[in-house]
Amino acid sequence: MTAKNLLQQRLTNQQLISPVFNSAPELVHWCGAVQAQDYEMSKWAVGMRLPAATAQQMEASISGGELVRTHILRPTWHLVHPKDVRWMMTLTAPYIAQSMGTYNRKLELDDAVFRKSNKVFEKALKDGNQLTRPELTAILNKAKIPTNDLRMNFLLIKAELDMVICNGAKRDKQITYALFDERVPPAKSLTKEEALGTLALRYFNSHGPATLKDFIGWSGLPITMARQGLNLVKDQLKSDTVYDLEYWGPSDAPAIKSPDNNILLVPNYDEYLVAYKDRDVIYDGLHDDHLSREGNPLFNNVILIRGQIAGVWKRTIKKKEIVMDLQMFTPLNKTDQARLDKAVAKYKEFIHLQ
């Protein structure tokens, strides 16, 4: 397999070209989880992978509980399908909690404190009461649970890992929290081995071709467990070698006869960027001065041409217009400029200003 073919297969498997799903829950279920630190841009991360979607539709999917936003896999925000969040959290939460142990000790947060804070969250959010972070902070302070010096961050994350809370619907422009059990319906539990195999197969089918190292970084699992997960499903995957690295992807991946020439406006923290540890194939042709001037591309909205980073973009949403700031690393010819204009139009249609 060539590097060019690898990128085209990733674009296809990640649904960035030739998407096959029609709804946000279907898409997120296929991906396993979609990273979502930047709430607004995470809606574009999902929406751009659907044939036709709007920001309003994505908001409705999150607010209505069709997608669950919580800390899962690594200690960061993700969107997950309600049917997947319980088994996935059961598998990964212990390792996330372990990674935060040093911070918890420094902040004097122990099991006794977490039990108390979880009970406060349960009481405050019961019967469908969804509250913002400032509102929950005030309630914890009243219960004499200190929230200063980053304590609130870790109290909230621990409650998410314990499946006590998750994000609720937005209220005005503020994100709320809700009780997990009121938000997420019961689902079939999986054994640890079943969960490992399911997570590995989901990742390599939707993100492949990818390496074991990539899967370790994406899942947050220890090396031995990630390797076990891959070994459980190797017979359902196909392996290829690129740059002397072993890549795994779906066994029935469609053949790509010619490179896709679409230009894509990809959001920050997108799965296409953050789901891999070996990124040389994505950065190929990116000069050091681009990296130093624009910072880490993973934290920027990037412009992709044939699967490689070719520029960065920003947008300012005003009352009646969207102002786009596009910075290409090299000049575009007329054909690629037309494709970029088409990508900009797609994003503006997604935002769909009233």
Protein backbone atom coordinates (compact mmCIF):
# COMPACT_ATOMS: atom_id res chain seq x y z
CA MET A 1 0.00 0.00 0.00
CA THR A 2 1.26 3.49 -0.82
CA ALA A 3 0.95 6.45 1.55
CA LYS A 4 -1.50 8.06 -0.87
CA ASN A 5 -3.75 4.99 -0.81
CA LEU A 6 -3.53 4.86 2.98
CA LEU A 7 -4.85 8.42 3.25
CA GLN A 8 -7.65 7.77 0.79
CA GLN A 9 -8.74 4.70 2.72
CA ARG A 10 -8.73 6.68 5.96
CA LEU A 11 -10.80 9.44 4.42
CA THR A 12 -13.28 6.83 3.20
CA ASN A 13 -13.45 4.82 6.43
CA GLN A 14 -13.80 8.00 8.47
CA GLN A 15 -16.74 8.99 6.23
CA LEU A 16 -15.03 12.19 5.09
CA ILE A 17 -15.57 11.14 1.48
CA SER A 18 -18.42 9.03 0.13
CA PRO A 19 -20.36 8.99 3.44
CA VAL A 20 -22.78 6.11 3.89
CA PHE A 21 -24.65 7.09 7.07
CA ASN A 22 -27.64 9.39 7.25
CA SER A 23 -27.91 10.22 10.95
CA ALA A 24 -25.61 11.49 13.68
CA PRO A 25 -26.17 8.49 16.01
CA GLU A 26 -25.34 6.03 13.20
CA LEU A 27 -22.18 7.94 12.35
CA VAL A 28 -20.95 8.20 15.95
CA HIS A 29 -21.73 4.52 16.56
CA TRP A 30 -19.56 3.66 13.54
CA CYS A 31 -16.70 5.84 14.79
CA GLY A 32 -16.91 4.47 18.34
CA ALA A 33 -16.45 7.95 19.79
CA VAL A 34 -15.87 11.44 18.37
CA GLN A 35 -13.58 13.78 20.29
CA ALA A 36 -15.48 16.87 21.40
CA GLN A 37 -13.52 19.39 23.51
CA ASP A 38 -14.69 22.25 21.33
CA TYR A 39 -18.46 21.82 21.64
CA GLU A 40 -19.44 23.92 18.63
CA MET A 41 -16.84 22.48 16.28
CA SER A 42 -17.62 18.90 17.36
CA LYS A 43 -21.04 19.38 15.74
CA TRP A 44 -19.25 20.10 12.46
CA ALA A 45 -16.99 17.06 13.01
CA VAL A 46 -20.13 14.91 12.94
CA GLY A 47 -22.13 16.95 10.45
CA MET A 48 -19.45 17.07 7.74
CA ARG A 49 -19.48 13.25 7.71
CA LEU A 50 -23.16 13.13 6.76
CA PRO A 51 -24.59 13.76 3.27
CA ALA A 52 -26.65 16.72 4.49
CA ALA A 53 -26.77 18.09 8.03
CA THR A 54 -27.11 21.40 9.85
CA ALA A 55 -25.71 22.67 13.12
CA GLN A 56 -29.28 22.87 14.40
CA GLN A 57 -29.82 19.17 13.71
CA MET A 58 -26.58 18.26 15.47
CA GLU A 59 -27.57 20.40 18.45
CA ALA A 60 -30.90 18.61 18.61
CA SER A 61 -29.15 15.21 18.59
CA ILE A 62 -27.00 16.21 21.57
CA SER A 63 -29.72 18.05 23.49
CA GLY A 64 -32.21 15.23 22.93
CA GLY A 65 -29.81 12.56 24.19
CA GLU A 66 -29.29 10.82 20.81
CA LEU A 67 -25.59 11.47 21.47
CA VAL A 68 -23.96 11.51 24.90
CA ARG A 69 -21.17 14.01 25.61
CA THR A 70 -18.90 12.94 28.44
CA HIS A 71 -15.29 12.20 29.37
CA ILE A 72 -14.47 8.75 28.05
CA LEU A 73 -11.54 6.84 26.48
CA ARG A 74 -8.86 9.42 27.37
CA PRO A 75 -9.54 12.17 29.93
CA THR A 76 -11.19 14.43 27.37
CA TRP A 77 -14.67 15.09 25.98
CA HIS A 78 -16.20 12.71 23.45
CA LEU A 79 -19.56 12.19 21.78
CA VAL A 80 -20.74 8.58 22.14
CA HIS A 81 -23.84 6.64 21.13
CA PRO A 82 -26.09 5.94 24.18
CA LYS A 83 -25.90 2.18 23.53
CA ASP A 84 -22.10 2.27 23.67
CA VAL A 85 -21.32 4.59 26.57
CA ARG A 86 -21.89 2.13 29.44
CA TRP A 87 -19.67 -0.72 28.24
CA MET A 88 -17.07 1.69 26.94
CA MET A 89 -16.94 3.62 30.21
CA THR A 90 -16.74 0.40 32.22
CA LEU A 91 -13.70 -0.61 30.14
CA THR A 92 -11.78 2.68 30.06
CA ALA A 93 -12.79 4.64 33.19
CA PRO A 94 -10.41 2.82 35.59
CA TYR A 95 -7.42 3.82 33.44
CA ILE A 96 -8.58 7.42 33.11
CA ALA A 97 -9.05 7.61 36.89
CA GLN A 98 -5.60 6.11 37.40
CA SER A 99 -4.03 8.74 35.15
CA MET A 100 -5.56 11.49 37.31
CA GLY A 101 -4.41 9.99 40.62
CA THR A 102 -1.45 12.35 41.09
CA TYR A 103 -3.62 15.43 40.55
CA ASN A 104 -6.30 14.12 42.90
CA ARG A 105 -3.76 13.58 45.66
CA LYS A 106 -2.33 17.08 45.21
CA LEU A 107 -5.85 18.52 45.41
CA GLU A 108 -6.70 16.35 48.42
CA LEU A 109 -9.48 14.58 46.59
CA ASP A 110 -10.05 11.01 47.77
CA ASP A 111 -12.80 8.40 47.64
CA ALA A 112 -14.60 9.93 50.61
CA VAL A 113 -14.76 13.34 48.92
CA PHE A 114 -15.90 11.81 45.63
CA ARG A 115 -18.65 9.82 47.35
CA LYS A 116 -19.90 13.00 48.99
CA SER A 117 -19.74 15.08 45.79
CA ASN A 118 -21.47 12.36 43.78
CA LYS A 119 -24.34 12.32 46.28
CA VAL A 120 -24.64 16.10 45.98
CA PHE A 121 -24.77 15.83 42.18
CA GLU A 122 -27.42 13.10 42.38
CA LYS A 123 -29.63 15.15 44.68
CA ALA A 124 -29.22 18.38 42.70
CA LEU A 125 -29.91 16.82 39.29
CA LYS A 126 -32.67 14.34 40.09
CA ASP A 127 -36.05 14.41 38.32
CA GLY A 128 -34.63 15.84 35.11
CA ASN A 129 -33.12 18.94 36.68
CA GLN A 130 -30.23 20.01 34.41
CA LEU A 131 -27.78 22.54 35.85
CA THR A 132 -24.78 24.48 34.59
CA ARG A 133 -21.28 24.19 35.99
CA PRO A 134 -21.54 27.51 37.94
CA GLU A 135 -24.82 26.33 39.46
CA LEU A 136 -23.29 23.01 40.52
CA THR A 137 -20.23 24.80 41.86
CA ALA A 138 -22.41 26.92 44.13
CA ILE A 139 -24.26 23.83 45.38
CA LEU A 140 -21.00 22.01 46.18
CA ASN A 141 -19.62 25.04 47.99
CA LYS A 142 -22.80 25.22 50.06
CA ALA A 143 -22.26 21.55 50.96
CA LYS A 144 -18.75 22.54 52.14
CA ILE A 145 -16.99 20.71 49.31
CA PRO A 146 -14.18 23.04 48.08
CA THR A 147 -14.16 23.64 44.33
CA ASN A 148 -11.14 25.96 44.03
CA ASP A 149 -7.73 25.22 42.46
CA LEU A 150 -9.12 23.00 39.69
CA ARG A 151 -10.99 20.78 42.16
CA MET A 152 -14.26 21.35 40.31
CA ASN A 153 -12.76 19.93 37.11
CA PHE A 154 -11.80 16.68 38.80
CA LEU A 155 -15.01 16.40 40.82
CA LEU A 156 -17.02 16.62 37.61
CA ILE A 157 -14.81 14.21 35.66
CA LYS A 158 -14.89 11.62 38.45
CA ALA A 159 -18.69 11.83 38.53
CA GLU A 160 -18.70 11.25 34.77
CA LEU A 161 -16.37 8.26 35.07
CA ASP A 162 -18.62 6.85 37.81
CA MET A 163 -21.56 7.26 35.40
CA VAL A 164 -23.34 9.61 37.80
CA ILE A 165 -23.51 12.61 35.44
CA CYS A 166 -22.99 13.55 31.78
CA ASN A 167 -23.79 16.62 29.70
CA GLY A 168 -27.42 17.60 29.35
CA ALA A 169 -29.06 19.98 26.90
CA LYS A 170 -27.77 23.50 26.34
CA ARG A 171 -29.62 26.24 28.15
CA ASP A 172 -29.28 29.46 26.20
CA LYS A 173 -25.53 29.33 25.44
CA GLN A 174 -24.49 27.36 28.52
CA ILE A 175 -23.85 23.62 28.64
CA THR A 176 -25.62 21.77 31.42
CA TYR A 177 -25.12 18.55 33.32
CA ALA A 178 -27.74 15.84 33.83
CA LEU A 179 -28.01 12.58 35.72
CA PHE A 180 -26.43 9.79 33.68
CA ASP A 181 -29.17 7.24 34.43
CA GLU A 182 -31.87 9.71 33.39
CA ARG A 183 -30.02 10.48 30.19
CA VAL A 184 -28.70 7.07 29.13
CA PRO A 185 -31.05 4.08 28.81
CA PRO A 186 -30.00 0.67 30.15
CA ALA A 187 -27.92 -1.34 27.68
CA LYS A 188 -26.50 -4.84 27.42
CA SER A 189 -23.28 -5.20 29.39
CA LEU A 190 -20.19 -6.74 27.82
CA THR A 191 -17.46 -8.85 29.37
CA LYS A 192 -14.03 -7.21 29.46
CA GLU A 193 -12.89 -9.38 26.55
CA GLU A 194 -16.02 -8.57 24.53
CA ALA A 195 -15.55 -4.86 25.21
CA LEU A 196 -11.87 -4.99 24.20
CA GLY A 197 -12.66 -6.74 20.94
CA THR A 198 -15.60 -4.46 20.17
CA LEU A 199 -13.58 -1.29 20.78
CA ALA A 200 -10.65 -2.52 18.68
CA LEU A 201 -12.84 -3.61 15.77
CA ARG A 202 -14.79 -0.34 15.90
CA TYR A 203 -11.57 1.68 15.82
CA PHE A 204 -9.76 -0.13 13.02
CA ASN A 205 -12.88 -0.33 10.84
CA SER A 206 -13.68 3.38 11.18
CA HIS A 207 -10.18 4.85 11.53
CA GLY A 208 -8.00 2.35 9.70
CA PRO A 209 -5.55 1.83 8.26
CA ALA A 210 -3.95 2.47 11.66
CA THR A 211 -1.20 1.00 13.82
CA LEU A 212 -1.37 -0.62 17.23
CA LYS A 213 0.37 2.52 18.54
CA ASP A 214 -2.45 4.60 17.08
CA PHE A 215 -5.07 2.44 18.82
CA ILE A 216 -3.23 2.74 22.15
CA GLY A 217 -3.23 6.53 21.86
CA TRP A 218 -6.87 6.74 20.81
CA SER A 219 -8.26 4.31 23.37
CA GLY A 220 -6.10 5.31 26.34
CA LEU A 221 -5.70 1.62 27.18
CA PRO A 222 -2.45 0.08 28.46
CA ILE A 223 -0.25 -1.47 25.78
CA THR A 224 -0.96 -5.06 26.82
CA MET A 225 -4.73 -4.55 26.79
CA ALA A 226 -4.73 -2.70 23.46
CA ARG A 227 -2.63 -5.47 21.91
CA GLN A 228 -5.04 -8.06 23.32
CA GLY A 229 -7.96 -6.16 21.76
CA LEU A 230 -6.26 -6.13 18.36
CA ASN A 231 -5.36 -9.82 18.62
CA LEU A 232 -9.00 -10.66 19.34
CA VAL A 233 -10.15 -9.19 16.01
CA LYS A 234 -7.14 -9.62 13.69
CA ASP A 235 -9.00 -12.28 11.73
CA GLN A 236 -11.64 -9.66 10.85
CA LEU A 237 -9.10 -7.09 9.66
CA LYS A 238 -6.55 -6.67 6.89
CA SER A 239 -2.92 -5.67 7.44
CA ASP A 240 -0.63 -3.62 5.18
CA THR A 241 2.84 -2.11 5.52
CA VAL A 242 3.62 1.56 4.91
CA TYR A 243 6.88 3.26 5.95
CA ASP A 244 7.90 -0.09 7.53
CA LEU A 245 4.93 0.14 9.92
CA GLU A 246 2.14 -2.42 10.18
CA TYR A 247 -1.29 -0.92 9.57
CA TRP A 248 -4.66 -2.56 10.21
CA GLY A 249 -7.95 -1.73 8.55
CA PRO A 250 -11.26 -3.28 7.51
CA SER A 251 -10.93 -6.53 5.59
CA ASP A 252 -13.62 -5.51 3.11
CA ALA A 253 -12.44 -1.95 2.42
CA PRO A 254 -13.57 -0.76 -1.02
CA ALA A 255 -10.90 -0.47 -3.68
CA ILE A 256 -9.95 3.11 -4.51
CA LYS A 257 -9.18 3.39 -8.21
CA SER A 258 -8.14 7.03 -8.29
CA PRO A 259 -7.27 9.64 -5.65
CA ASP A 260 -10.10 11.79 -4.40
CA ASN A 261 -9.49 15.46 -5.05
CA ASN A 262 -11.92 16.95 -2.57
CA ILE A 263 -10.73 19.75 -0.32
CA LEU A 264 -12.05 19.51 3.23
CA LEU A 265 -12.42 22.02 6.05
CA VAL A 266 -11.72 19.88 9.10
CA PRO A 267 -12.35 21.15 12.67
CA ASN A 268 -9.84 21.24 15.49
CA TYR A 269 -9.44 17.99 17.46
CA ASP A 270 -11.02 16.09 14.58
CA GLU A 271 -10.74 12.30 14.61
CA TYR A 272 -8.80 12.49 11.35
CA LEU A 273 -6.05 14.33 13.23
CA VAL A 274 -6.11 13.27 16.88
CA ALA A 275 -6.87 9.55 16.47
CA TYR A 276 -3.32 8.68 15.33
CA LYS A 277 0.11 8.78 16.98
CA ASP A 278 2.02 8.21 13.74
CA ARG A 279 1.18 11.37 11.79
CA ASP A 280 4.06 11.63 9.31
CA VAL A 281 1.79 10.64 6.44
CA ILE A 282 -0.61 13.50 7.26
CA TYR A 283 2.17 16.05 7.82
CA ASP A 284 4.16 15.09 4.71
CA GLY A 285 5.10 18.28 2.89
CA LEU A 286 4.35 20.48 5.91
CA HIS A 287 7.37 22.69 6.57
CA ASP A 288 8.69 23.56 10.02
CA ASP A 289 7.87 27.23 9.48
CA HIS A 290 4.21 26.32 9.01
CA LEU A 291 4.24 24.45 12.32
CA SER A 292 5.97 27.27 14.18
CA ARG A 293 3.77 29.98 12.69
CA GLU A 294 0.42 28.26 13.08
CA GLY A 295 1.16 26.15 16.16
CA ASN A 296 0.21 22.50 16.42
CA PRO A 297 -2.18 21.72 13.54
CA LEU A 298 -4.10 19.37 15.84
CA PHE A 299 -5.39 22.39 17.75
CA ASN A 300 -6.36 24.35 14.63
CA ASN A 301 -9.13 23.99 12.10
CA VAL A 302 -7.19 22.62 9.12
CA ILE A 303 -7.63 22.48 5.37
CA LEU A 304 -7.01 19.05 3.86
CA ILE A 305 -6.05 18.44 0.25
CA ARG A 306 -5.96 14.76 -0.71
CA GLY A 307 -5.77 13.87 2.97
CA GLN A 308 -2.78 16.05 3.86
CA ILE A 309 -2.68 19.30 5.81
CA ALA A 310 -2.46 22.21 3.38
CA GLY A 311 -3.63 25.18 5.45
CA VAL A 312 -5.67 26.43 8.38
CA TRP A 313 -9.00 28.21 8.70
CA LYS A 314 -11.01 30.25 11.16
CA ARG A 315 -14.57 31.50 11.10
CA THR A 316 -16.41 34.34 12.76
CA ILE A 317 -20.16 33.85 12.97
CA LYS A 318 -22.01 37.14 12.90
CA LYS A 319 -25.72 37.81 13.03
CA LYS A 320 -26.24 37.73 9.27
CA GLU A 321 -22.99 36.37 7.85
CA ILE A 322 -20.08 34.02 8.39
CA VAL A 323 -16.64 35.54 7.85
CA MET A 324 -14.03 32.97 6.81
CA ASP A 325 -10.28 33.40 7.23
CA LEU A 326 -8.45 30.85 5.06
CA GLN A 327 -4.65 30.56 5.08
CA MET A 328 -3.10 28.17 2.56
CA PHE A 329 0.51 27.06 3.01
CA THR A 330 1.02 27.08 -0.76
CA PRO A 331 -0.93 28.87 -3.52
CA LEU A 332 -3.84 27.01 -5.14
CA ASN A 333 -4.49 26.56 -8.83
CA LYS A 334 -7.90 27.49 -10.23
CA THR A 335 -9.28 23.95 -9.92
CA ASP A 336 -8.32 23.59 -6.25
CA GLN A 337 -9.54 27.11 -5.51
CA ALA A 338 -12.95 26.13 -6.87
CA ARG A 339 -12.92 23.04 -4.66
CA LEU A 340 -12.02 25.16 -1.64
CA ASP A 341 -14.88 27.53 -2.45
CA LYS A 342 -17.20 24.51 -2.53
CA ALA A 343 -15.96 23.37 0.90
CA VAL A 344 -16.59 26.85 2.32
CA ALA A 345 -20.10 26.83 0.89
CA LYS A 346 -20.77 23.45 2.51
CA TYR A 347 -19.71 24.76 5.91
CA LYS A 348 -21.90 27.86 5.55
CA GLU A 349 -24.86 25.67 4.59
CA PHE A 350 -24.21 23.62 7.73
CA ILE A 351 -24.30 26.69 9.99
CA HIS A 352 -27.49 27.78 8.18
CA LEU A 353 -27.95 31.28 9.54
CA GLN A 354 -31.60 32.20 9.91
